[in-house]
Amino acid sequence: MGHHHNHGSDHSHGPPNYTYAFTFGIGLNLIYIAVEVSYGLAVDSLALLADAGHNVSDVLGLLLAWAGYRLSKIPPSTRRTYGWRSGSILAAFLNALLLLIAVGAIAWEAIERFSHPVQVAGNTIMAVAGVGVFINLLTALLFLRGRKNDINIQGAFLHMAADAGVSLGVVFAGLMTKIYPVNWIDPTVSLVVAAVVLVSTWSLFRDSTALLLHAVPPRIDPEKVNYLLRSHTAVISIHDLHIWAMSTTETALTAHVVVQPGCEFNQVLKELRKTVADQFEIEHVTLQFEAESDSRCPQDEDDAI
């Protein structure tokens, strides 16, 4: 019968603009890296120089997230009909990989220190690491509000929060070692930090991988969507329902809808897409209306085999 769709023209407001957050975060961390390198060379501290190298990965993580954010804003073209929206999903996935590599590096270094203890450096390193806690927490807070609705922003948040945890671990381990002069405190704290980062990063890795494979976004229950569509008085049944992420903030839905004879298609479409948008924040909706006699499709036959 008819093919009707909605491509998001009902948006009442756009997503938050994170350009300032990325610019501020990257700039602040570059300044901090320069300070760490300067103090590291001044006091001949390999630990500070190593931490500066680690902080370079945080800047890279922010750049990845920013690139994904900017790519999602590029308008569609005749060859890329969704634009570069999926770039934000790819950025979140790469950020998760980067965080997992960082966790592995922290854990490896901690295990090495159990068998080859390294004396934790003095007050200078603790002071510089303390500044790192403040800077990374401040940067993480810039992405705090948007992390629940955008896994790309969540990746940026986790990267900075994880590094704040690492810096806090350095300060805590240094303080405890001064009070209790034993060599196992520093690597133990490092392993605890690595475990915390791993737990929080795993969800980012899992969700971004699922979105890359066009799985239903985790915040949406497809059974509830199906039930909601079928509950309309004009709808007889729903089949060939697909829900996938166009980006880390936008979701698309397509479905074949078997409707009652003589119903007003435009009115039914308007009501269905409003219901889906209100309940699940799915704005890109494409519905194909069918009569009951035309309701079988090739995918139904494939699924029945």
C-alpha atoms as a PDB file:
ATOM      1  CA  MET A   1       0.000   0.000   0.000  1.00  0.00           C
ATOM      2  CA  GLY A   2       1.718   3.206   1.070  1.00  0.00           C
ATOM      3  CA  HIS A   3       5.282   4.002   2.073  1.00  0.00           C
ATOM      4  CA  HIS A   4       5.467   6.750   4.643  1.00  0.00           C
ATOM      5  CA  HIS A   5       8.312   8.104   6.686  1.00  0.00           C
ATOM      6  CA  ASN A   6       9.520  10.745   9.069  1.00  0.00           C
ATOM      7  CA  HIS A   7      13.140  11.935   8.914  1.00  0.00           C
ATOM      8  CA  GLY A   8      13.335  13.963  12.060  1.00  0.00           C
ATOM      9  CA  SER A   9      11.655  17.198  11.066  1.00  0.00           C
ATOM     10  CA  ASP A  10       9.806  17.158  14.368  1.00  0.00           C
ATOM     11  CA  HIS A  11      12.962  17.881  16.374  1.00  0.00           C
ATOM     12  CA  SER A  12      12.238  20.701  18.726  1.00  0.00           C
ATOM     13  CA  HIS A  13      15.845  21.246  19.737  1.00  0.00           C
ATOM     14  CA  GLY A  14      19.263  20.059  18.680  1.00  0.00           C
ATOM     15  CA  PRO A  15      21.778  18.077  20.720  1.00  0.00           C
ATOM     16  CA  PRO A  16      24.115  19.921  23.094  1.00  0.00           C
ATOM     17  CA  ASN A  17      27.141  21.625  21.575  1.00  0.00           C
ATOM     18  CA  TYR A  18      30.359  20.178  23.022  1.00  0.00           C
ATOM     19  CA  THR A  19      32.820  22.209  20.942  1.00  0.00           C
ATOM     20  CA  TYR A  20      33.790  24.339  23.961  1.00  0.00           C
ATOM     21  CA  ALA A  21      34.179  21.268  26.190  1.00  0.00           C
ATOM     22  CA  PHE A  22      36.507  19.532  23.723  1.00  0.00           C
ATOM     23  CA  THR A  23      38.535  22.697  23.037  1.00  0.00           C
ATOM     24  CA  PHE A  24      38.935  23.477  26.735  1.00  0.00           C
ATOM     25  CA  GLY A  25      39.709  19.878  27.692  1.00  0.00           C
ATOM     26  CA  ILE A  26      42.321  19.345  24.989  1.00  0.00           C
ATOM     27  CA  GLY A  27      43.976  22.725  25.616  1.00  0.00           C
ATOM     28  CA  LEU A  28      44.106  22.226  29.393  1.00  0.00           C
ATOM     29  CA  ASN A  29      45.589  18.729  29.063  1.00  0.00           C
ATOM     30  CA  LEU A  30      48.233  19.870  26.568  1.00  0.00           C
ATOM     31  CA  ILE A  31      49.330  22.546  29.057  1.00  0.00           C
ATOM     32  CA  TYR A  32      49.461  19.940  31.834  1.00  0.00           C
ATOM     33  CA  ILE A  33      51.569  17.606  29.671  1.00  0.00           C
ATOM     34  CA  ALA A  34      54.034  20.432  29.058  1.00  0.00           C
ATOM     35  CA  VAL A  35      54.233  21.090  32.827  1.00  0.00           C
ATOM     36  CA  GLU A  36      54.788  17.396  33.561  1.00  0.00           C
ATOM     37  CA  VAL A  37      57.570  17.126  30.986  1.00  0.00           C
ATOM     38  CA  SER A  38      59.223  20.281  32.369  1.00  0.00           C
ATOM     39  CA  TYR A  39      59.156  19.042  35.981  1.00  0.00           C
ATOM     40  CA  GLY A  40      60.119  15.534  34.912  1.00  0.00           C
ATOM     41  CA  LEU A  41      63.239  16.810  33.208  1.00  0.00           C
ATOM     42  CA  ALA A  42      63.985  19.228  36.061  1.00  0.00           C
ATOM     43  CA  VAL A  43      63.892  16.581  38.828  1.00  0.00           C
ATOM     44  CA  ASP A  44      65.033  13.725  36.567  1.00  0.00           C
ATOM     45  CA  SER A  45      61.795  11.789  37.205  1.00  0.00           C
ATOM     46  CA  LEU A  46      61.044   8.951  34.801  1.00  0.00           C
ATOM     47  CA  ALA A  47      57.658   8.509  36.523  1.00  0.00           C
ATOM     48  CA  LEU A  48      56.522  12.019  35.611  1.00  0.00           C
ATOM     49  CA  LEU A  49      57.762  11.641  32.032  1.00  0.00           C
ATOM     50  CA  ALA A  50      55.945   8.304  31.757  1.00  0.00           C
ATOM     51  CA  ASP A  51      52.737   9.849  33.111  1.00  0.00           C
ATOM     52  CA  ALA A  52      53.085  12.671  30.585  1.00  0.00           C
ATOM     53  CA  GLY A  53      53.245  10.025  27.870  1.00  0.00           C
ATOM     54  CA  HIS A  54      50.110   8.422  29.309  1.00  0.00           C
ATOM     55  CA  ASN A  55      48.341  11.782  29.264  1.00  0.00           C
ATOM     56  CA  VAL A  56      49.085  12.048  25.539  1.00  0.00           C
ATOM     57  CA  SER A  57      46.716   9.072  25.112  1.00  0.00           C
ATOM     58  CA  ASP A  58      44.025  11.077  26.913  1.00  0.00           C
ATOM     59  CA  VAL A  59      44.432  13.950  24.485  1.00  0.00           C
ATOM     60  CA  LEU A  60      44.217  11.407  21.666  1.00  0.00           C
ATOM     61  CA  GLY A  61      41.029  10.031  23.230  1.00  0.00           C
ATOM     62  CA  LEU A  62      39.504  13.513  23.361  1.00  0.00           C
ATOM     63  CA  LEU A  63      40.540  14.139  19.748  1.00  0.00           C
ATOM     64  CA  LEU A  64      38.889  10.869  18.704  1.00  0.00           C
ATOM     65  CA  ALA A  65      35.670  11.779  20.498  1.00  0.00           C
ATOM     66  CA  TRP A  66      35.733  15.290  19.011  1.00  0.00           C
ATOM     67  CA  ALA A  67      36.314  13.897  15.524  1.00  0.00           C
ATOM     68  CA  GLY A  68      33.315  11.585  15.959  1.00  0.00           C
ATOM     69  CA  TYR A  69      31.233  14.490  17.232  1.00  0.00           C
ATOM     70  CA  ARG A  70      32.205  16.662  14.253  1.00  0.00           C
ATOM     71  CA  LEU A  71      31.661  13.841  11.741  1.00  0.00           C
ATOM     72  CA  SER A  72      28.115  13.350  13.033  1.00  0.00           C
ATOM     73  CA  LYS A  73      27.354  16.970  12.060  1.00  0.00           C
ATOM     74  CA  ILE A  74      28.296  16.567   8.375  1.00  0.00           C
ATOM     75  CA  PRO A  75      25.102  16.661   6.277  1.00  0.00           C
ATOM     76  CA  PRO A  76      24.073  13.708   4.067  1.00  0.00           C
ATOM     77  CA  SER A  77      25.136  13.458   0.433  1.00  0.00           C
ATOM     78  CA  THR A  78      23.950  11.405  -2.546  1.00  0.00           C
ATOM     79  CA  ARG A  79      26.596   8.761  -1.783  1.00  0.00           C
ATOM     80  CA  ARG A  80      26.400   8.925   2.011  1.00  0.00           C
ATOM     81  CA  THR A  81      22.691   9.219   2.624  1.00  0.00           C
ATOM     82  CA  TYR A  82      23.143   9.191   6.408  1.00  0.00           C
ATOM     83  CA  GLY A  83      26.114  11.535   6.236  1.00  0.00           C
ATOM     84  CA  TRP A  84      28.930  10.609   8.639  1.00  0.00           C
ATOM     85  CA  ARG A  85      26.681   9.999  11.640  1.00  0.00           C
ATOM     86  CA  SER A  86      28.166   6.553  12.330  1.00  0.00           C
ATOM     87  CA  GLY A  87      31.565   8.209  12.808  1.00  0.00           C
ATOM     88  CA  SER A  88      30.560   8.961  16.406  1.00  0.00           C
ATOM     89  CA  ILE A  89      29.970   5.234  17.024  1.00  0.00           C
ATOM     90  CA  LEU A  90      33.361   4.370  15.521  1.00  0.00           C
ATOM     91  CA  ALA A  91      35.028   7.033  17.702  1.00  0.00           C
ATOM     92  CA  ALA A  92      33.420   5.548  20.823  1.00  0.00           C
ATOM     93  CA  PHE A  93      34.642   2.071  19.820  1.00  0.00           C
ATOM     94  CA  LEU A  94      38.215   3.290  19.219  1.00  0.00           C
ATOM     95  CA  ASN A  95      38.143   5.158  22.529  1.00  0.00           C
ATOM     96  CA  ALA A  96      37.107   1.962  24.296  1.00  0.00           C
ATOM     97  CA  LEU A  97      40.008   0.095  22.656  1.00  0.00           C
ATOM     98  CA  LEU A  98      42.411   2.844  23.696  1.00  0.00           C
ATOM     99  CA  LEU A  99      41.182   2.646  27.282  1.00  0.00           C
ATOM    100  CA  LEU A 100      41.512  -1.155  27.336  1.00  0.00           C
ATOM    101  CA  ILE A 101      45.102  -0.874  26.081  1.00  0.00           C
ATOM    102  CA  ALA A 102      45.808   1.702  28.808  1.00  0.00           C
ATOM    103  CA  VAL A 103      44.342  -0.656  31.434  1.00  0.00           C
ATOM    104  CA  GLY A 104      46.603  -3.450  30.166  1.00  0.00           C
ATOM    105  CA  ALA A 105      49.649  -1.184  30.356  1.00  0.00           C
ATOM    106  CA  ILE A 106      48.812  -0.089  33.937  1.00  0.00           C
ATOM    107  CA  ALA A 107      48.237  -3.691  35.061  1.00  0.00           C
ATOM    108  CA  TRP A 108      51.450  -4.905  33.405  1.00  0.00           C
ATOM    109  CA  GLU A 109      53.518  -2.174  35.061  1.00  0.00           C
ATOM    110  CA  ALA A 110      51.895  -2.901  38.435  1.00  0.00           C
ATOM    111  CA  ILE A 111      52.681  -6.630  38.199  1.00  0.00           C
ATOM    112  CA  GLU A 112      56.273  -5.829  37.232  1.00  0.00           C
ATOM    113  CA  ARG A 113      56.628  -3.623  40.308  1.00  0.00           C
ATOM    114  CA  PHE A 114      55.693  -6.485  42.643  1.00  0.00           C
ATOM    115  CA  SER A 115      58.829  -8.336  41.579  1.00  0.00           C
ATOM    116  CA  HIS A 116      60.960  -5.251  40.865  1.00  0.00           C
ATOM    117  CA  PRO A 117      59.916  -2.585  43.408  1.00  0.00           C
ATOM    118  CA  VAL A 118      60.385   1.053  42.453  1.00  0.00           C
ATOM    119  CA  GLN A 119      60.662   3.701  45.133  1.00  0.00           C
ATOM    120  CA  VAL A 120      57.772   6.138  44.825  1.00  0.00           C
ATOM    121  CA  ALA A 121      59.123   9.604  44.134  1.00  0.00           C
ATOM    122  CA  GLY A 122      58.831  12.516  46.507  1.00  0.00           C
ATOM    123  CA  ASN A 123      56.595  15.476  47.144  1.00  0.00           C
ATOM    124  CA  THR A 124      57.125  17.074  43.720  1.00  0.00           C
ATOM    125  CA  ILE A 125      55.590  14.115  41.902  1.00  0.00           C
ATOM    126  CA  MET A 126      52.712  13.944  44.383  1.00  0.00           C
ATOM    127  CA  ALA A 127      52.011  17.652  43.897  1.00  0.00           C
ATOM    128  CA  VAL A 128      52.082  17.416  40.090  1.00  0.00           C
ATOM    129  CA  ALA A 129      49.858  14.302  40.199  1.00  0.00           C
ATOM    130  CA  GLY A 130      47.470  16.208  42.481  1.00  0.00           C
ATOM    131  CA  VAL A 131      47.168  18.931  39.869  1.00  0.00           C
ATOM    132  CA  GLY A 132      46.457  16.159  37.359  1.00  0.00           C
ATOM    133  CA  VAL A 133      43.538  14.942  39.482  1.00  0.00           C
ATOM    134  CA  PHE A 134      42.014  18.429  39.454  1.00  0.00           C
ATOM    135  CA  ILE A 135      42.521  19.004  35.708  1.00  0.00           C
ATOM    136  CA  ASN A 136      41.174  15.618  34.648  1.00  0.00           C
ATOM    137  CA  LEU A 137      38.161  15.811  36.962  1.00  0.00           C
ATOM    138  CA  LEU A 138      37.379  19.303  35.683  1.00  0.00           C
ATOM    139  CA  THR A 139      37.566  18.059  32.093  1.00  0.00           C
ATOM    140  CA  ALA A 140      35.437  14.996  32.905  1.00  0.00           C
ATOM    141  CA  LEU A 141      32.750  17.205  34.455  1.00  0.00           C
ATOM    142  CA  LEU A 142      32.374  19.011  31.121  1.00  0.00           C
ATOM    143  CA  PHE A 143      31.062  15.736  29.662  1.00  0.00           C
ATOM    144  CA  LEU A 144      29.163  14.512  32.726  1.00  0.00           C
ATOM    145  CA  ARG A 145      25.665  15.566  31.634  1.00  0.00           C
ATOM    146  CA  GLY A 146      25.797  14.126  28.118  1.00  0.00           C
ATOM    147  CA  ARG A 147      27.417  10.767  28.900  1.00  0.00           C
ATOM    148  CA  LYS A 148      24.125   8.923  29.551  1.00  0.00           C
ATOM    149  CA  ASN A 149      22.627   9.745  26.149  1.00  0.00           C
ATOM    150  CA  ASP A 150      25.726   9.584  23.931  1.00  0.00           C
ATOM    151  CA  ILE A 151      28.331   6.812  24.210  1.00  0.00           C
ATOM    152  CA  ASN A 152      30.838   8.935  22.279  1.00  0.00           C
ATOM    153  CA  ILE A 153      30.605  11.602  25.005  1.00  0.00           C
ATOM    154  CA  GLN A 154      30.697   8.771  27.539  1.00  0.00           C
ATOM    155  CA  GLY A 155      34.016   7.697  26.001  1.00  0.00           C
ATOM    156  CA  ALA A 156      35.458  11.187  26.504  1.00  0.00           C
ATOM    157  CA  PHE A 157      34.127  11.246  30.084  1.00  0.00           C
ATOM    158  CA  LEU A 158      35.564   7.820  30.924  1.00  0.00           C
ATOM    159  CA  HIS A 159      38.951   8.711  29.467  1.00  0.00           C
ATOM    160  CA  MET A 160      39.299  11.773  31.684  1.00  0.00           C
ATOM    161  CA  ALA A 161      37.737  10.157  34.761  1.00  0.00           C
ATOM    162  CA  ALA A 162      40.070   7.168  34.378  1.00  0.00           C
ATOM    163  CA  ASP A 163      43.119   9.403  34.216  1.00  0.00           C
ATOM    164  CA  ALA A 164      41.922  11.321  37.266  1.00  0.00           C
ATOM    165  CA  GLY A 165      41.769   7.954  39.016  1.00  0.00           C
ATOM    166  CA  VAL A 166      45.304   7.083  37.932  1.00  0.00           C
ATOM    167  CA  SER A 167      46.633  10.438  39.171  1.00  0.00           C
ATOM    168  CA  LEU A 168      44.726  10.041  42.452  1.00  0.00           C
ATOM    169  CA  GLY A 169      46.279   6.597  42.793  1.00  0.00           C
ATOM    170  CA  VAL A 170      49.752   8.111  42.410  1.00  0.00           C
ATOM    171  CA  VAL A 171      49.013  10.675  45.136  1.00  0.00           C
ATOM    172  CA  PHE A 172      47.478   8.087  47.486  1.00  0.00           C
ATOM    173  CA  ALA A 173      50.223   5.535  46.930  1.00  0.00           C
ATOM    174  CA  GLY A 174      52.882   8.183  47.518  1.00  0.00           C
ATOM    175  CA  LEU A 175      51.220   9.320  50.736  1.00  0.00           C
ATOM    176  CA  MET A 176      50.748   5.759  52.062  1.00  0.00           C
ATOM    177  CA  THR A 177      54.328   4.847  51.214  1.00  0.00           C
ATOM    178  CA  LYS A 178      55.561   7.798  53.244  1.00  0.00           C
ATOM    179  CA  ILE A 179      53.490   6.600  56.213  1.00  0.00           C
ATOM    180  CA  TYR A 180      54.086   2.861  55.703  1.00  0.00           C
ATOM    181  CA  PRO A 181      57.442   2.279  53.933  1.00  0.00           C
ATOM    182  CA  VAL A 182      56.466  -0.936  52.109  1.00  0.00           C
ATOM    183  CA  ASN A 183      56.806  -1.627  48.390  1.00  0.00           C
ATOM    184  CA  TRP A 184      53.478  -3.352  47.703  1.00  0.00           C
ATOM    185  CA  ILE A 185      51.208  -0.319  48.201  1.00  0.00           C
ATOM    186  CA  ASP A 186      52.012   1.394  44.883  1.00  0.00           C
ATOM    187  CA  PRO A 187      51.381  -1.613  42.577  1.00  0.00           C
ATOM    188  CA  THR A 188      48.311  -2.680  44.582  1.00  0.00           C
ATOM    189  CA  VAL A 189      46.697   0.750  44.183  1.00  0.00           C
ATOM    190  CA  SER A 190      47.563   0.644  40.477  1.00  0.00           C
ATOM    191  CA  LEU A 191      45.801  -2.726  40.068  1.00  0.00           C
ATOM    192  CA  VAL A 192      42.708  -1.441  41.881  1.00  0.00           C
ATOM    193  CA  VAL A 193      42.589   1.610  39.595  1.00  0.00           C
ATOM    194  CA  ALA A 194      43.032  -0.631  36.537  1.00  0.00           C
ATOM    195  CA  ALA A 195      40.156  -2.879  37.696  1.00  0.00           C
ATOM    196  CA  VAL A 196      37.822   0.093  38.201  1.00  0.00           C
ATOM    197  CA  VAL A 197      38.682   1.498  34.763  1.00  0.00           C
ATOM    198  CA  LEU A 198      38.198  -1.940  33.172  1.00  0.00           C
ATOM    199  CA  VAL A 199      34.705  -2.342  34.643  1.00  0.00           C
ATOM    200  CA  SER A 200      33.566   1.075  33.441  1.00  0.00           C
ATOM    201  CA  THR A 201      35.255   0.704  30.043  1.00  0.00           C
ATOM    202  CA  TRP A 202      33.811  -2.725  29.302  1.00  0.00           C
ATOM    203  CA  SER A 203      30.267  -1.350  28.972  1.00  0.00           C
ATOM    204  CA  LEU A 204      31.521   1.294  26.523  1.00  0.00           C
ATOM    205  CA  PHE A 205      33.315  -1.382  24.482  1.00  0.00           C
ATOM    206  CA  ARG A 206      30.288  -3.706  24.531  1.00  0.00           C
ATOM    207  CA  ASP A 207      27.755  -1.012  23.598  1.00  0.00           C
ATOM    208  CA  SER A 208      29.872   0.586  20.862  1.00  0.00           C
ATOM    209  CA  THR A 209      30.579  -2.821  19.312  1.00  0.00           C
ATOM    210  CA  ALA A 210      26.861  -3.632  19.324  1.00  0.00           C
ATOM    211  CA  LEU A 211      25.998  -0.305  17.673  1.00  0.00           C
ATOM    212  CA  LEU A 212      28.651  -0.866  14.985  1.00  0.00           C
ATOM    213  CA  LEU A 213      26.876  -4.144  14.197  1.00  0.00           C
ATOM    214  CA  HIS A 214      23.511  -2.309  13.952  1.00  0.00           C
ATOM    215  CA  ALA A 215      22.112  -3.831  17.126  1.00  0.00           C
ATOM    216  CA  VAL A 216      19.185  -2.166  18.877  1.00  0.00           C
ATOM    217  CA  PRO A 217      20.550   0.568  21.195  1.00  0.00           C
ATOM    218  CA  PRO A 218      20.676  -0.738  24.795  1.00  0.00           C
ATOM    219  CA  ARG A 219      18.261   1.904  26.100  1.00  0.00           C
ATOM    220  CA  ILE A 220      15.473   0.639  23.792  1.00  0.00           C
ATOM    221  CA  ASP A 221      13.430  -2.536  24.329  1.00  0.00           C
ATOM    222  CA  PRO A 222      12.337  -3.776  20.857  1.00  0.00           C
ATOM    223  CA  GLU A 223       9.518  -5.856  22.363  1.00  0.00           C
ATOM    224  CA  LYS A 224       8.044  -2.742  23.955  1.00  0.00           C
ATOM    225  CA  VAL A 225       8.339  -0.849  20.664  1.00  0.00           C
ATOM    226  CA  ASN A 226       6.560  -3.694  18.853  1.00  0.00           C
ATOM    227  CA  TYR A 227       3.813  -3.772  21.484  1.00  0.00           C
ATOM    228  CA  LEU A 228       3.397  -0.002  21.371  1.00  0.00           C
ATOM    229  CA  LEU A 229       2.983   0.000  17.586  1.00  0.00           C
ATOM    230  CA  ARG A 230       0.547  -2.933  17.660  1.00  0.00           C
ATOM    231  CA  SER A 231      -1.552  -1.298  20.368  1.00  0.00           C
ATOM    232  CA  HIS A 232      -2.853   1.337  17.920  1.00  0.00           C
ATOM    233  CA  THR A 233      -6.480   0.662  17.033  1.00  0.00           C
ATOM    234  CA  ALA A 234      -5.804   0.821  13.275  1.00  0.00           C
ATOM    235  CA  VAL A 235      -2.886  -1.643  13.380  1.00  0.00           C
ATOM    236  CA  ILE A 236      -3.512  -5.371  12.841  1.00  0.00           C
ATOM    237  CA  SER A 237       0.100  -6.539  13.077  1.00  0.00           C
ATOM    238  CA  ILE A 238       3.753  -5.481  12.757  1.00  0.00           C
ATOM    239  CA  HIS A 239       6.526  -7.338  10.938  1.00  0.00           C
ATOM    240  CA  ASP A 240       9.995  -6.715   9.501  1.00  0.00           C
ATOM    241  CA  LEU A 241      10.735  -4.342  12.388  1.00  0.00           C
ATOM    242  CA  HIS A 242      14.284  -2.939  12.443  1.00  0.00           C
ATOM    243  CA  ILE A 243      15.760  -0.547  15.001  1.00  0.00           C
ATOM    244  CA  TRP A 244      19.366   0.627  14.792  1.00  0.00           C
ATOM    245  CA  ALA A 245      21.634   3.519  15.725  1.00  0.00           C
ATOM    246  CA  MET A 246      22.438   6.060  13.017  1.00  0.00           C
ATOM    247  CA  SER A 247      24.852   7.736  15.425  1.00  0.00           C
ATOM    248  CA  THR A 248      25.504   7.757  19.152  1.00  0.00           C
ATOM    249  CA  THR A 249      22.499  10.079  19.615  1.00  0.00           C
ATOM    250  CA  GLU A 250      20.097   9.237  16.760  1.00  0.00           C
ATOM    251  CA  THR A 251      18.047   6.090  16.272  1.00  0.00           C
ATOM    252  CA  ALA A 252      16.198   4.882  13.163  1.00  0.00           C
ATOM    253  CA  LEU A 253      13.233   2.544  12.839  1.00  0.00           C
ATOM    254  CA  THR A 254      11.649   0.814   9.861  1.00  0.00           C
ATOM    255  CA  ALA A 255       8.674  -1.543   9.908  1.00  0.00           C
ATOM    256  CA  HIS A 256       5.899  -3.059   7.801  1.00  0.00           C
ATOM    257  CA  VAL A 257       2.545  -2.209   9.352  1.00  0.00           C
ATOM    258  CA  VAL A 258      -0.598  -4.174   8.504  1.00  0.00           C
ATOM    259  CA  VAL A 259      -3.525  -1.804   8.978  1.00  0.00           C
ATOM    260  CA  GLN A 260      -7.303  -1.956   9.046  1.00  0.00           C
ATOM    261  CA  PRO A 261      -9.032  -1.379   5.673  1.00  0.00           C
ATOM    262  CA  GLY A 262     -10.154   2.172   5.090  1.00  0.00           C
ATOM    263  CA  CYS A 263      -8.000   3.788   7.777  1.00  0.00           C
ATOM    264  CA  GLU A 264      -6.535   7.246   7.260  1.00  0.00           C
ATOM    265  CA  PHE A 265      -2.862   6.549   6.530  1.00  0.00           C
ATOM    266  CA  ASN A 266      -1.528  10.021   7.234  1.00  0.00           C
ATOM    267  CA  GLN A 267      -3.291  10.242  10.583  1.00  0.00           C
ATOM    268  CA  VAL A 268      -2.129   6.766  11.633  1.00  0.00           C
ATOM    269  CA  LEU A 269       1.436   7.599  10.576  1.00  0.00           C
ATOM    270  CA  LYS A 270       1.401  10.837  12.539  1.00  0.00           C
ATOM    271  CA  GLU A 271       0.128   9.107  15.663  1.00  0.00           C
ATOM    272  CA  LEU A 272       2.551   6.168  15.420  1.00  0.00           C
ATOM    273  CA  ARG A 273       5.670   8.244  14.885  1.00  0.00           C
ATOM    274  CA  LYS A 274       4.690  10.639  17.688  1.00  0.00           C
ATOM    275  CA  THR A 275       4.183   7.728  20.062  1.00  0.00           C
ATOM    276  CA  VAL A 276       7.572   6.203  19.170  1.00  0.00           C
ATOM    277  CA  ALA A 277       9.315   9.572  19.456  1.00  0.00           C
ATOM    278  CA  ASP A 278       7.724  10.386  22.819  1.00  0.00           C
ATOM    279  CA  GLN A 279       8.293   6.975  24.392  1.00  0.00           C
ATOM    280  CA  PHE A 280      11.665   5.970  22.923  1.00  0.00           C
ATOM    281  CA  GLU A 281      13.136   9.162  21.373  1.00  0.00           C
ATOM    282  CA  ILE A 282      13.225   7.514  17.931  1.00  0.00           C
ATOM    283  CA  GLU A 283      12.840  10.355  15.430  1.00  0.00           C
ATOM    284  CA  HIS A 284      13.846   8.716  12.129  1.00  0.00           C
ATOM    285  CA  VAL A 285      10.843   6.508  11.392  1.00  0.00           C
ATOM    286  CA  THR A 286       9.968   4.784   8.110  1.00  0.00           C
ATOM    287  CA  LEU A 287       6.710   2.782   7.993  1.00  0.00           C
ATOM    288  CA  GLN A 288       5.324   0.782   5.092  1.00  0.00           C
ATOM    289  CA  PHE A 289       1.560   0.266   5.349  1.00  0.00           C
ATOM    290  CA  GLU A 290       0.099  -2.954   3.982  1.00  0.00           C
ATOM    291  CA  ALA A 291      -3.266  -4.664   3.626  1.00  0.00           C
ATOM    292  CA  GLU A 292      -3.634  -7.948   5.500  1.00  0.00           C
ATOM    293  CA  SER A 293      -3.568  -9.923   2.231  1.00  0.00           C
ATOM    294  CA  ASP A 294      -0.195  -8.365   1.305  1.00  0.00           C
ATOM    295  CA  SER A 295       1.422  -8.781   4.697  1.00  0.00           C
ATOM    296  CA  ARG A 296       3.869 -11.604   3.893  1.00  0.00           C
ATOM    297  CA  CYS A 297       7.370 -10.592   2.906  1.00  0.00           C
ATOM    298  CA  PRO A 298      10.553 -12.476   1.928  1.00  0.00           C
ATOM    299  CA  GLN A 299      12.083 -12.039   5.379  1.00  0.00           C
ATOM    300  CA  ASP A 300       9.056 -13.693   7.012  1.00  0.00           C
ATOM    301  CA  GLU A 301       9.541 -16.724   4.742  1.00  0.00           C
ATOM    302  CA  ASP A 302      13.263 -16.854   5.552  1.00  0.00           C
ATOM    303  CA  ASP A 303      12.561 -16.678   9.268  1.00  0.00           C
ATOM    304  CA  ALA A 304      10.054 -19.511   9.021  1.00  0.00           C
ATOM    305  CA  ILE A 305      12.626 -21.925   7.520  1.00  0.00           C
END
